[in-house]
Amino acid sequence: MADLPDIPSPCIGVCRLEPQTRRCAGCLRTAREIVRWPEADNAERLAIVQELRRRRRALGITSPADSRPRRRRTSPTE
């Protein structure tokens, strides 16, 4: 994961924790995930982003990017 560029924050600027779910109304992160983000390495950030995708799908909130297959990097020797 160290060779990947930093994963950007999923924050969309709607920063409000919902009392029922204890998740941000904008990005769906928990308070713990929000606090961890600045110090998290790419592996932890990727895990958070994948969990956010699962949450969006469970809520029926998806975007074209959620359904698009991910590109896999190939090494120059392949």
PDB file of N, CA and C in Angstrom:
ATOM      1  N   MET A   1       0.812  -1.200   0.000  1.00  0.00           N
ATOM      2  CA  MET A   1       0.000   0.000   0.000  1.00  0.00           C
ATOM      3  C   MET A   1       0.851   1.258   0.000  1.00  0.00           C
ATOM      4  N   ALA A   2       2.100   1.137   0.394  1.00  0.00           N
ATOM      5  CA  ALA A   2       2.956   2.314   0.483  1.00  0.00           C
ATOM      6  C   ALA A   2       3.194   2.949  -0.877  1.00  0.00           C
ATOM      7  N   ASP A   3       3.087   2.172  -1.961  1.00  0.00           N
ATOM      8  CA  ASP A   3       3.348   2.723  -3.280  1.00  0.00           C
ATOM      9  C   ASP A   3       2.133   3.442  -3.865  1.00  0.00           C
ATOM     10  N   LEU A   4       0.998   3.415  -3.180  1.00  0.00           N
ATOM     11  CA  LEU A   4      -0.189   4.115  -3.653  1.00  0.00           C
ATOM     12  C   LEU A   4      -0.172   5.562  -3.165  1.00  0.00           C
ATOM     13  N   PRO A   5      -0.767   6.476  -3.935  1.00  0.00           N
ATOM     14  CA  PRO A   5      -0.877   7.851  -3.443  1.00  0.00           C
ATOM     15  C   PRO A   5      -1.824   7.879  -2.242  1.00  0.00           C
ATOM     16  N   ASP A   6      -1.722   8.923  -1.434  1.00  0.00           N
ATOM     17  CA  ASP A   6      -2.601   9.039  -0.274  1.00  0.00           C
ATOM     18  C   ASP A   6      -4.059   9.001  -0.703  1.00  0.00           C
ATOM     19  N   ILE A   7      -4.857   8.285   0.043  1.00  0.00           N
ATOM     20  CA  ILE A   7      -6.289   8.194  -0.223  1.00  0.00           C
ATOM     21  C   ILE A   7      -6.937   9.446   0.358  1.00  0.00           C
ATOM     22  N   PRO A   8      -7.661  10.218  -0.468  1.00  0.00           N
ATOM     23  CA  PRO A   8      -8.251  11.465   0.024  1.00  0.00           C
ATOM     24  C   PRO A   8      -9.398  11.209   0.993  1.00  0.00           C
ATOM     25  N   SER A   9      -9.669  12.178   1.821  1.00  0.00           N
ATOM     26  CA  SER A   9     -10.749  12.085   2.785  1.00  0.00           C
ATOM     27  C   SER A   9     -12.091  11.958   2.068  1.00  0.00           C
ATOM     28  N   PRO A  10     -12.987  11.123   2.597  1.00  0.00           N
ATOM     29  CA  PRO A  10     -14.323  11.005   2.002  1.00  0.00           C
ATOM     30  C   PRO A  10     -15.277  12.120   2.438  1.00  0.00           C
ATOM     31  N   CYS A  11     -14.792  13.075   3.225  1.00  0.00           N
ATOM     32  CA  CYS A  11     -15.625  14.176   3.709  1.00  0.00           C
ATOM     33  C   CYS A  11     -16.215  14.944   2.521  1.00  0.00           C
ATOM     34  N   ILE A  12     -17.527  15.239   2.614  1.00  0.00           N
ATOM     35  CA  ILE A  12     -18.179  16.022   1.564  1.00  0.00           C
ATOM     36  C   ILE A  12     -18.671  17.369   2.101  1.00  0.00           C
ATOM     37  N   GLY A  13     -18.237  17.720   3.312  1.00  0.00           N
ATOM     38  CA  GLY A  13     -18.562  19.025   3.870  1.00  0.00           C
ATOM     39  C   GLY A  13     -19.914  19.118   4.556  1.00  0.00           C
ATOM     40  N   VAL A  14     -20.594  17.998   4.742  1.00  0.00           N
ATOM     41  CA  VAL A  14     -21.846  17.966   5.497  1.00  0.00           C
ATOM     42  C   VAL A  14     -21.511  17.274   6.806  1.00  0.00           C
ATOM     43  N   CYS A  15     -20.974  18.013   7.727  1.00  0.00           N
ATOM     44  CA  CYS A  15     -20.397  17.437   8.951  1.00  0.00           C
ATOM     45  C   CYS A  15     -21.359  17.558  10.118  1.00  0.00           C
ATOM     46  N   ARG A  16     -22.125  16.495  10.318  1.00  0.00           N
ATOM     47  CA  ARG A  16     -23.095  16.463  11.406  1.00  0.00           C
ATOM     48  C   ARG A  16     -23.312  15.006  11.793  1.00  0.00           C
ATOM     49  N   LEU A  17     -23.059  14.668  13.058  1.00  0.00           N
ATOM     50  CA  LEU A  17     -23.297  13.305  13.521  1.00  0.00           C
ATOM     51  C   LEU A  17     -24.788  13.116  13.775  1.00  0.00           C
ATOM     52  N   GLU A  18     -25.331  12.070  13.178  1.00  0.00           N
ATOM     53  CA  GLU A  18     -26.739  11.737  13.367  1.00  0.00           C
ATOM     54  C   GLU A  18     -26.905  11.072  14.732  1.00  0.00           C
ATOM     55  N   PRO A  19     -27.847  11.536  15.540  1.00  0.00           N
ATOM     56  CA  PRO A  19     -28.005  10.975  16.885  1.00  0.00           C
ATOM     57  C   PRO A  19     -28.345   9.483  16.890  1.00  0.00           C
ATOM     58  N   GLN A  20     -29.148   9.031  15.926  1.00  0.00           N
ATOM     59  CA  GLN A  20     -29.572   7.637  15.909  1.00  0.00           C
ATOM     60  C   GLN A  20     -28.443   6.687  15.518  1.00  0.00           C
ATOM     61  N   THR A  21     -27.706   7.038  14.491  1.00  0.00           N
ATOM     62  CA  THR A  21     -26.676   6.135  13.955  1.00  0.00           C
ATOM     63  C   THR A  21     -25.278   6.435  14.487  1.00  0.00           C
ATOM     64  N   ARG A  22     -25.082   7.657  15.005  1.00  0.00           N
ATOM     65  CA  ARG A  22     -23.757   8.121  15.443  1.00  0.00           C
ATOM     66  C   ARG A  22     -22.774   8.126  14.279  1.00  0.00           C
ATOM     67  N   ARG A  23     -23.294   8.387  13.087  1.00  0.00           N
ATOM     68  CA  ARG A  23     -22.464   8.506  11.886  1.00  0.00           C
ATOM     69  C   ARG A  23     -22.673   9.885  11.273  1.00  0.00           C
ATOM     70  N   CYS A  24     -21.673  10.347  10.552  1.00  0.00           N
ATOM     71  CA  CYS A  24     -21.778  11.632   9.871  1.00  0.00           C
ATOM     72  C   CYS A  24     -22.874  11.568   8.804  1.00  0.00           C
ATOM     73  N   ALA A  25     -23.704  12.581   8.766  1.00  0.00           N
ATOM     74  CA  ALA A  25     -24.783  12.637   7.780  1.00  0.00           C
ATOM     75  C   ALA A  25     -24.239  12.757   6.360  1.00  0.00           C
ATOM     76  N   GLY A  26     -23.039  13.298   6.199  1.00  0.00           N
ATOM     77  CA  GLY A  26     -22.478  13.481   4.860  1.00  0.00           C
ATOM     78  C   GLY A  26     -21.709  12.280   4.352  1.00  0.00           C
ATOM     79  N   CYS A  27     -20.694  11.872   5.081  1.00  0.00           N
ATOM     80  CA  CYS A  27     -19.797  10.818   4.572  1.00  0.00           C
ATOM     81  C   CYS A  27     -20.065   9.446   5.176  1.00  0.00           C
ATOM     82  N   LEU A  28     -20.903   9.371   6.204  1.00  0.00           N
ATOM     83  CA  LEU A  28     -21.278   8.124   6.885  1.00  0.00           C
ATOM     84  C   LEU A  28     -20.182   7.534   7.765  1.00  0.00           C
ATOM     85  N   ARG A  29     -19.112   8.314   8.010  1.00  0.00           N
ATOM     86  CA  ARG A  29     -18.081   7.799   8.915  1.00  0.00           C
ATOM     87  C   ARG A  29     -18.534   7.934  10.360  1.00  0.00           C
ATOM     88  N   THR A  30     -18.038   7.051  11.202  1.00  0.00           N
ATOM     89  CA  THR A  30     -18.256   7.157  12.640  1.00  0.00           C
ATOM     90  C   THR A  30     -17.287   8.208  13.182  1.00  0.00           C
ATOM     91  N   ALA A  31     -17.546   8.652  14.405  1.00  0.00           N
ATOM     92  CA  ALA A  31     -16.643   9.623  15.030  1.00  0.00           C
ATOM     93  C   ALA A  31     -15.231   9.049  15.124  1.00  0.00           C
ATOM     94  N   ARG A  32     -15.118   7.775  15.454  1.00  0.00           N
ATOM     95  CA  ARG A  32     -13.802   7.136  15.548  1.00  0.00           C
ATOM     96  C   ARG A  32     -13.080   7.158  14.196  1.00  0.00           C
ATOM     97  N   GLU A  33     -13.805   6.861  13.117  1.00  0.00           N
ATOM     98  CA  GLU A  33     -13.192   6.874  11.782  1.00  0.00           C
ATOM     99  C   GLU A  33     -12.748   8.277  11.391  1.00  0.00           C
ATOM    100  N   ILE A  34     -13.530   9.271  11.759  1.00  0.00           N
ATOM    101  CA  ILE A  34     -13.170  10.660  11.453  1.00  0.00           C
ATOM    102  C   ILE A  34     -11.902  11.053  12.205  1.00  0.00           C
ATOM    103  N   VAL A  35     -11.840  10.705  13.482  1.00  0.00           N
ATOM    104  CA  VAL A  35     -10.678  11.041  14.304  1.00  0.00           C
ATOM    105  C   VAL A  35      -9.427  10.298  13.835  1.00  0.00           C
ATOM    106  N   ARG A  36      -9.570   9.063  13.404  1.00  0.00           N
ATOM    107  CA  ARG A  36      -8.442   8.243  12.971  1.00  0.00           C
ATOM    108  C   ARG A  36      -7.876   8.688  11.621  1.00  0.00           C
ATOM    109  N   TRP A  37      -8.697   9.260  10.762  1.00  0.00           N
ATOM    110  CA  TRP A  37      -8.314   9.513   9.373  1.00  0.00           C
ATOM    111  C   TRP A  37      -6.964  10.225   9.208  1.00  0.00           C
ATOM    112  N   PRO A  38      -6.687  11.327   9.891  1.00  0.00           N
ATOM    113  CA  PRO A  38      -5.415  12.028   9.657  1.00  0.00           C
ATOM    114  C   PRO A  38      -4.175  11.177   9.955  1.00  0.00           C
ATOM    115  N   GLU A  39      -4.276  10.270  10.898  1.00  0.00           N
ATOM    116  CA  GLU A  39      -3.128   9.443  11.282  1.00  0.00           C
ATOM    117  C   GLU A  39      -3.110   8.077  10.602  1.00  0.00           C
ATOM    118  N   ALA A  40      -4.191   7.709   9.938  1.00  0.00           N
ATOM    119  CA  ALA A  40      -4.303   6.379   9.343  1.00  0.00           C
ATOM    120  C   ALA A  40      -3.378   6.214   8.145  1.00  0.00           C
ATOM    121  N   ASP A  41      -2.814   5.022   8.010  1.00  0.00           N
ATOM    122  CA  ASP A  41      -2.034   4.726   6.807  1.00  0.00           C
ATOM    123  C   ASP A  41      -3.008   4.330   5.692  1.00  0.00           C
ATOM    124  N   ASN A  42      -2.478   4.108   4.495  1.00  0.00           N
ATOM    125  CA  ASN A  42      -3.345   3.805   3.356  1.00  0.00           C
ATOM    126  C   ASN A  42      -4.145   2.522   3.557  1.00  0.00           C
ATOM    127  N   ALA A  43      -3.593   1.536   4.227  1.00  0.00           N
ATOM    128  CA  ALA A  43      -4.327   0.286   4.456  1.00  0.00           C
ATOM    129  C   ALA A  43      -5.569   0.545   5.310  1.00  0.00           C
ATOM    130  N   GLU A  44      -5.408   1.334   6.370  1.00  0.00           N
ATOM    131  CA  GLU A  44      -6.550   1.645   7.233  1.00  0.00           C
ATOM    132  C   GLU A  44      -7.549   2.536   6.504  1.00  0.00           C
ATOM    133  N   ARG A  45      -7.055   3.501   5.746  1.00  0.00           N
ATOM    134  CA  ARG A  45      -7.952   4.373   4.973  1.00  0.00           C
ATOM    135  C   ARG A  45      -8.752   3.570   3.958  1.00  0.00           C
ATOM    136  N   LEU A  46      -8.083   2.645   3.283  1.00  0.00           N
ATOM    137  CA  LEU A  46      -8.779   1.813   2.310  1.00  0.00           C
ATOM    138  C   LEU A  46      -9.866   0.993   2.995  1.00  0.00           C
ATOM    139  N   ALA A  47      -9.586   0.442   4.164  1.00  0.00           N
ATOM    140  CA  ALA A  47     -10.586  -0.328   4.906  1.00  0.00           C
ATOM    141  C   ALA A  47     -11.788   0.552   5.261  1.00  0.00           C
ATOM    142  N   ILE A  48     -11.537   1.785   5.661  1.00  0.00           N
ATOM    143  CA  ILE A  48     -12.627   2.709   5.991  1.00  0.00           C
ATOM    144  C   ILE A  48     -13.449   3.008   4.739  1.00  0.00           C
ATOM    145  N   VAL A  49     -12.796   3.297   3.639  1.00  0.00           N
ATOM    146  CA  VAL A  49     -13.498   3.615   2.393  1.00  0.00           C
ATOM    147  C   VAL A  49     -14.340   2.426   1.931  1.00  0.00           C
ATOM    148  N   GLN A  50     -13.809   1.224   2.050  1.00  0.00           N
ATOM    149  CA  GLN A  50     -14.580   0.042   1.662  1.00  0.00           C
ATOM    150  C   GLN A  50     -15.799  -0.144   2.567  1.00  0.00           C
ATOM    151  N   GLU A  51     -15.643   0.146   3.851  1.00  0.00           N
ATOM    152  CA  GLU A  51     -16.775   0.064   4.777  1.00  0.00           C
ATOM    153  C   GLU A  51     -17.821   1.126   4.436  1.00  0.00           C
ATOM    154  N   LEU A  52     -17.374   2.312   4.041  1.00  0.00           N
ATOM    155  CA  LEU A  52     -18.320   3.359   3.643  1.00  0.00           C
ATOM    156  C   LEU A  52     -19.111   2.942   2.418  1.00  0.00           C
ATOM    157  N   ARG A  53     -18.461   2.287   1.487  1.00  0.00           N
ATOM    158  CA  ARG A  53     -19.150   1.793   0.288  1.00  0.00           C
ATOM    159  C   ARG A  53     -20.232   0.789   0.696  1.00  0.00           C
ATOM    160  N   ARG A  54     -19.892  -0.108   1.634  1.00  0.00           N
ATOM    161  CA  ARG A  54     -20.865  -1.093   2.102  1.00  0.00           C
ATOM    162  C   ARG A  54     -22.053  -0.388   2.769  1.00  0.00           C
ATOM    163  N   ARG A  55     -21.765   0.626   3.571  1.00  0.00           N
ATOM    164  CA  ARG A  55     -22.839   1.367   4.234  1.00  0.00           C
ATOM    165  C   ARG A  55     -23.745   2.071   3.236  1.00  0.00           C
ATOM    166  N   ARG A  56     -23.138   2.709   2.222  1.00  0.00           N
ATOM    167  CA  ARG A  56     -23.947   3.392   1.197  1.00  0.00           C
ATOM    168  C   ARG A  56     -24.848   2.404   0.474  1.00  0.00           C
ATOM    169  N   ARG A  57     -24.296   1.260   0.100  1.00  0.00           N
ATOM    170  CA  ARG A  57     -25.105   0.252  -0.587  1.00  0.00           C
ATOM    171  C   ARG A  57     -26.242  -0.238   0.294  1.00  0.00           C
ATOM    172  N   ALA A  58     -25.975  -0.470   1.583  1.00  0.00           N
ATOM    173  CA  ALA A  58     -27.004  -0.936   2.508  1.00  0.00           C
ATOM    174  C   ALA A  58     -28.137   0.082   2.633  1.00  0.00           C
ATOM    175  N   LEU A  59     -27.796   1.356   2.506  1.00  0.00           N
ATOM    176  CA  LEU A  59     -28.795   2.423   2.597  1.00  0.00           C
ATOM    177  C   LEU A  59     -29.419   2.764   1.247  1.00  0.00           C
ATOM    178  N   GLY A  60     -28.929   2.132   0.183  1.00  0.00           N
ATOM    179  CA  GLY A  60     -29.428   2.447  -1.158  1.00  0.00           C
ATOM    180  C   GLY A  60     -28.889   3.752  -1.693  1.00  0.00           C
ATOM    181  N   ILE A  61     -27.789   4.207  -1.122  1.00  0.00           N
ATOM    182  CA  ILE A  61     -27.148   5.457  -1.560  1.00  0.00           C
ATOM    183  C   ILE A  61     -25.895   5.065  -2.330  1.00  0.00           C
ATOM    184  N   THR A  62     -26.012   5.001  -3.624  1.00  0.00           N
ATOM    185  CA  THR A  62     -24.849   4.603  -4.412  1.00  0.00           C
ATOM    186  C   THR A  62     -24.558   5.642  -5.473  1.00  0.00           C
ATOM    187  N   SER A  63     -23.365   5.589  -5.959  1.00  0.00           N
ATOM    188  CA  SER A  63     -22.957   6.467  -7.051  1.00  0.00           C
ATOM    189  C   SER A  63     -22.390   5.579  -8.154  1.00  0.00           C
ATOM    190  N   PRO A  64     -22.206   6.110  -9.345  1.00  0.00           N
ATOM    191  CA  PRO A  64     -21.598   5.299 -10.408  1.00  0.00           C
ATOM    192  C   PRO A  64     -20.237   4.735  -9.995  1.00  0.00           C
ATOM    193  N   ALA A  65     -19.497   5.481  -9.186  1.00  0.00           N
ATOM    194  CA  ALA A  65     -18.178   5.014  -8.753  1.00  0.00           C
ATOM    195  C   ALA A  65     -18.287   3.777  -7.861  1.00  0.00           C
ATOM    196  N   ASP A  66     -19.387   3.632  -7.136  1.00  0.00           N
ATOM    197  CA  ASP A  66     -19.557   2.461  -6.280  1.00  0.00           C
ATOM    198  C   ASP A  66     -19.713   1.179  -7.080  1.00  0.00           C
ATOM    199  N   SER A  67     -20.235   1.273  -8.275  1.00  0.00           N
ATOM    200  CA  SER A  67     -20.472   0.085  -9.089  1.00  0.00           C
ATOM    201  C   SER A  67     -19.375  -0.179 -10.112  1.00  0.00           C
ATOM    202  N   ARG A  68     -18.520   0.797 -10.317  1.00  0.00           N
ATOM    203  CA  ARG A  68     -17.465   0.662 -11.321  1.00  0.00           C
ATOM    204  C   ARG A  68     -16.393  -0.296 -10.818  1.00  0.00           C
ATOM    205  N   PRO A  69     -15.980  -1.242 -11.654  1.00  0.00           N
ATOM    206  CA  PRO A  69     -14.901  -2.137 -11.212  1.00  0.00           C
ATOM    207  C   PRO A  69     -13.613  -1.354 -11.016  1.00  0.00           C
ATOM    208  N   ARG A  70     -12.848  -1.774 -10.070  1.00  0.00           N
ATOM    209  CA  ARG A  70     -11.576  -1.112  -9.788  1.00  0.00           C
ATOM    210  C   ARG A  70     -10.506  -1.609 -10.743  1.00  0.00           C
ATOM    211  N   ARG A  71      -9.694  -0.667 -11.172  1.00  0.00           N
ATOM    212  CA  ARG A  71      -8.569  -1.034 -12.042  1.00  0.00           C
ATOM    213  C   ARG A  71      -7.475  -1.639 -11.197  1.00  0.00           C
ATOM    214  N   ARG A  72      -6.847  -2.627 -11.746  1.00  0.00           N
ATOM    215  CA  ARG A  72      -5.736  -3.238 -11.043  1.00  0.00           C
ATOM    216  C   ARG A  72      -4.449  -2.807 -11.735  1.00  0.00           C
ATOM    217  N   ARG A  73      -3.503  -2.465 -10.924  1.00  0.00           N
ATOM    218  CA  ARG A  73      -2.197  -2.093 -11.479  1.00  0.00           C
ATOM    219  C   ARG A  73      -1.467  -3.342 -11.928  1.00  0.00           C
ATOM    220  N   THR A  74      -0.778  -3.206 -13.006  1.00  0.00           N
ATOM    221  CA  THR A  74       0.084  -4.293 -13.452  1.00  0.00           C
ATOM    222  C   THR A  74       1.520  -3.797 -13.391  1.00  0.00           C
ATOM    223  N   SER A  75       2.392  -4.693 -13.092  1.00  0.00           N
ATOM    224  CA  SER A  75       3.795  -4.295 -13.028  1.00  0.00           C
ATOM    225  C   SER A  75       4.323  -4.155 -14.449  1.00  0.00           C
ATOM    226  N   PRO A  76       5.354  -3.369 -14.641  1.00  0.00           N
ATOM    227  CA  PRO A  76       5.922  -3.146 -15.980  1.00  0.00           C
ATOM    228  C   PRO A  76       6.425  -4.435 -16.639  1.00  0.00           C
ATOM    229  N   THR A  77       6.678  -5.452 -15.861  1.00  0.00           N
ATOM    230  CA  THR A  77       7.200  -6.700 -16.432  1.00  0.00           C
ATOM    231  C   THR A  77       6.090  -7.621 -16.911  1.00  0.00           C
ATOM    232  N   GLU A  78       4.844  -7.298 -16.617  1.00  0.00           N
ATOM    233  CA  GLU A  78       3.743  -8.169 -17.054  1.00  0.00           C
ATOM    234  C   GLU A  78       3.288  -7.825 -18.434  1.00  0.00           C
TER     235      GLU A  78
END
